[in-house]
Protein backbone atom coordinates (compact mmCIF):
# COMPACT_ATOMS: atom_id res chain seq x y z
CA MET A 1 0.00 0.00 0.00
CA GLU A 2 2.81 2.42 0.88
CA THR A 3 4.56 1.52 -2.39
CA ASP A 4 1.39 2.40 -4.27
CA LYS A 5 1.30 5.85 -2.67
CA ARG A 6 4.99 6.37 -3.40
CA GLN A 7 4.49 5.36 -7.04
CA LYS A 8 1.70 7.92 -7.36
CA ARG A 9 3.71 10.69 -5.69
CA VAL A 10 6.74 10.03 -7.88
CA ALA A 11 4.55 9.77 -11.00
CA SER A 12 2.94 13.11 -10.18
CA ALA A 13 6.32 14.80 -9.66
CA ILE A 14 7.63 13.37 -12.92
CA GLN A 15 4.50 14.44 -14.80
CA GLU A 16 4.88 18.02 -13.59
CA ALA A 17 8.61 18.16 -14.35
CA MET A 18 8.23 16.50 -17.76
CA SER A 19 5.50 18.99 -18.68
CA ARG A 20 7.91 21.85 -17.98
CA LEU A 21 10.72 20.16 -19.88
CA LEU A 22 8.60 19.59 -22.97
CA ILE A 23 7.58 23.25 -23.03
CA GLN A 24 11.28 24.17 -23.00
CA GLU A 25 12.29 21.52 -25.56
CA PHE A 26 9.46 22.18 -28.02
CA PRO A 27 9.18 25.98 -28.10
CA ASN A 28 8.36 25.92 -31.82
CA ALA A 29 5.23 23.84 -31.31
CA SER A 30 3.21 26.97 -32.10
CA ASN A 31 1.03 25.01 -34.50
CA GLY A 32 0.22 22.39 -31.88
CA LEU A 33 0.41 21.32 -28.28
CA ILE A 34 2.18 18.45 -26.54
CA THR A 35 0.56 17.53 -23.23
CA VAL A 36 1.72 15.04 -20.59
CA THR A 37 -1.56 13.37 -19.67
CA GLY A 38 -0.17 10.90 -17.17
CA VAL A 39 2.79 8.95 -15.87
CA GLU A 40 2.85 5.38 -14.60
CA MET A 41 5.77 4.13 -12.53
CA THR A 42 6.91 0.55 -12.14
CA ALA A 43 6.91 -0.79 -8.57
CA ASP A 44 10.71 -0.41 -8.32
CA LEU A 45 10.45 3.23 -9.58
CA LYS A 46 13.09 2.54 -12.24
CA THR A 47 10.84 3.02 -15.28
CA ALA A 48 8.35 5.78 -16.06
CA ARG A 49 5.77 5.39 -18.83
CA VAL A 50 4.93 8.92 -19.93
CA PHE A 51 1.60 9.33 -21.73
CA LEU A 52 1.42 12.20 -24.21
CA SER A 53 -1.36 13.79 -26.22
CA LEU A 54 -0.57 15.72 -29.38
CA TYR A 55 -3.03 18.41 -30.41
CA GLY A 56 -3.11 20.62 -33.45
CA ALA A 57 -1.11 20.34 -36.64
CA LEU A 58 1.95 18.67 -35.15
CA ASP A 59 3.81 16.16 -37.30
CA ARG A 60 3.52 13.09 -35.08
CA GLU A 61 6.36 11.22 -36.73
CA ALA A 62 8.71 14.18 -36.25
CA VAL A 63 7.65 14.63 -32.62
CA TRP A 64 8.19 10.93 -31.77
CA SER A 65 11.51 10.92 -33.58
CA LEU A 66 12.67 13.98 -31.66
CA LEU A 67 11.46 12.54 -28.36
CA GLU A 68 13.42 9.34 -28.94
CA LYS A 69 16.49 11.30 -30.02
CA ARG A 70 16.29 13.59 -26.95
CA LYS A 71 15.32 10.86 -24.46
CA GLY A 72 18.76 10.81 -22.82
CA PHE A 73 18.79 14.57 -22.40
CA LEU A 74 15.22 14.58 -21.03
CA ARG A 75 16.11 11.82 -18.58
CA LYS A 76 19.17 13.75 -17.35
CA ALA A 77 17.20 17.01 -17.07
CA LEU A 78 14.43 15.16 -15.22
CA ALA A 79 16.99 13.86 -12.71
CA SER A 80 18.00 17.43 -11.87
CA LEU A 81 14.35 18.44 -11.28
CA VAL A 82 13.10 15.36 -9.41
CA LYS A 83 15.47 14.01 -6.78
CA LEU A 84 15.16 10.22 -6.64
CA LYS A 85 17.43 7.36 -5.67
CA TYR A 86 17.26 6.03 -9.24
CA ASN A 87 16.78 8.10 -12.36
CA PRO A 88 13.95 6.28 -14.14
CA SER A 89 14.21 5.24 -17.76
CA LEU A 90 11.52 6.84 -19.93
CA ILE A 91 9.00 5.16 -22.20
CA PHE A 92 6.83 7.52 -24.24
CA SER A 93 3.32 6.38 -25.18
CA LEU A 94 0.61 8.12 -27.14
CA ASP A 95 -2.53 8.78 -25.11
CA ARG A 96 -5.44 8.42 -27.50
CA THR A 97 -8.15 9.24 -24.95
CA ALA A 98 -8.98 12.63 -26.47
CA GLU A 99 -9.22 11.13 -29.97
CA LEU A 100 -11.50 8.36 -28.73
CA GLU A 101 -13.72 10.83 -26.87
CA GLU A 102 -14.04 12.99 -29.98
CA ARG A 103 -14.89 9.94 -32.10
CA LEU A 104 -17.52 8.81 -29.58
CA ASP A 105 -19.05 12.30 -29.55
CA ARG A 106 -19.33 12.25 -33.35
CA LEU A 107 -20.94 8.80 -33.26
CA ILE A 108 -23.44 9.89 -30.61
CA GLU A 109 -24.35 12.99 -32.63
CA LEU A 110 -24.75 10.84 -35.73
CA ALA A 111 -26.98 8.41 -33.83
CA LYS A 112 -29.12 11.29 -32.50
CA LYS A 113 -29.67 12.58 -36.06
CA ARG A 114 -30.91 9.21 -37.20
């Protein structure tokens, strides 16, 4: 139970720090928005799965490529912002919740019209 609380606290701290880092690293994302929607930590706190949503006219392939290329830098920068015993490795995942919600809304509207 205590581990669960610690995982959530660490995940929250990483989410906040990663949000700030992405704003600094992607200043030219004027035609879109990159949002950290959540972070899940493994029980040993050595791996963080960072869920991201991409909004607007961002080139997803370019964003993912840049994220993978800058992963080492982001991990190092994260270590300076969030003091932990171990600096977690990062796994970036696309959060499709917003897309699914939008699709469901369109389907509901379509069903109402029929």
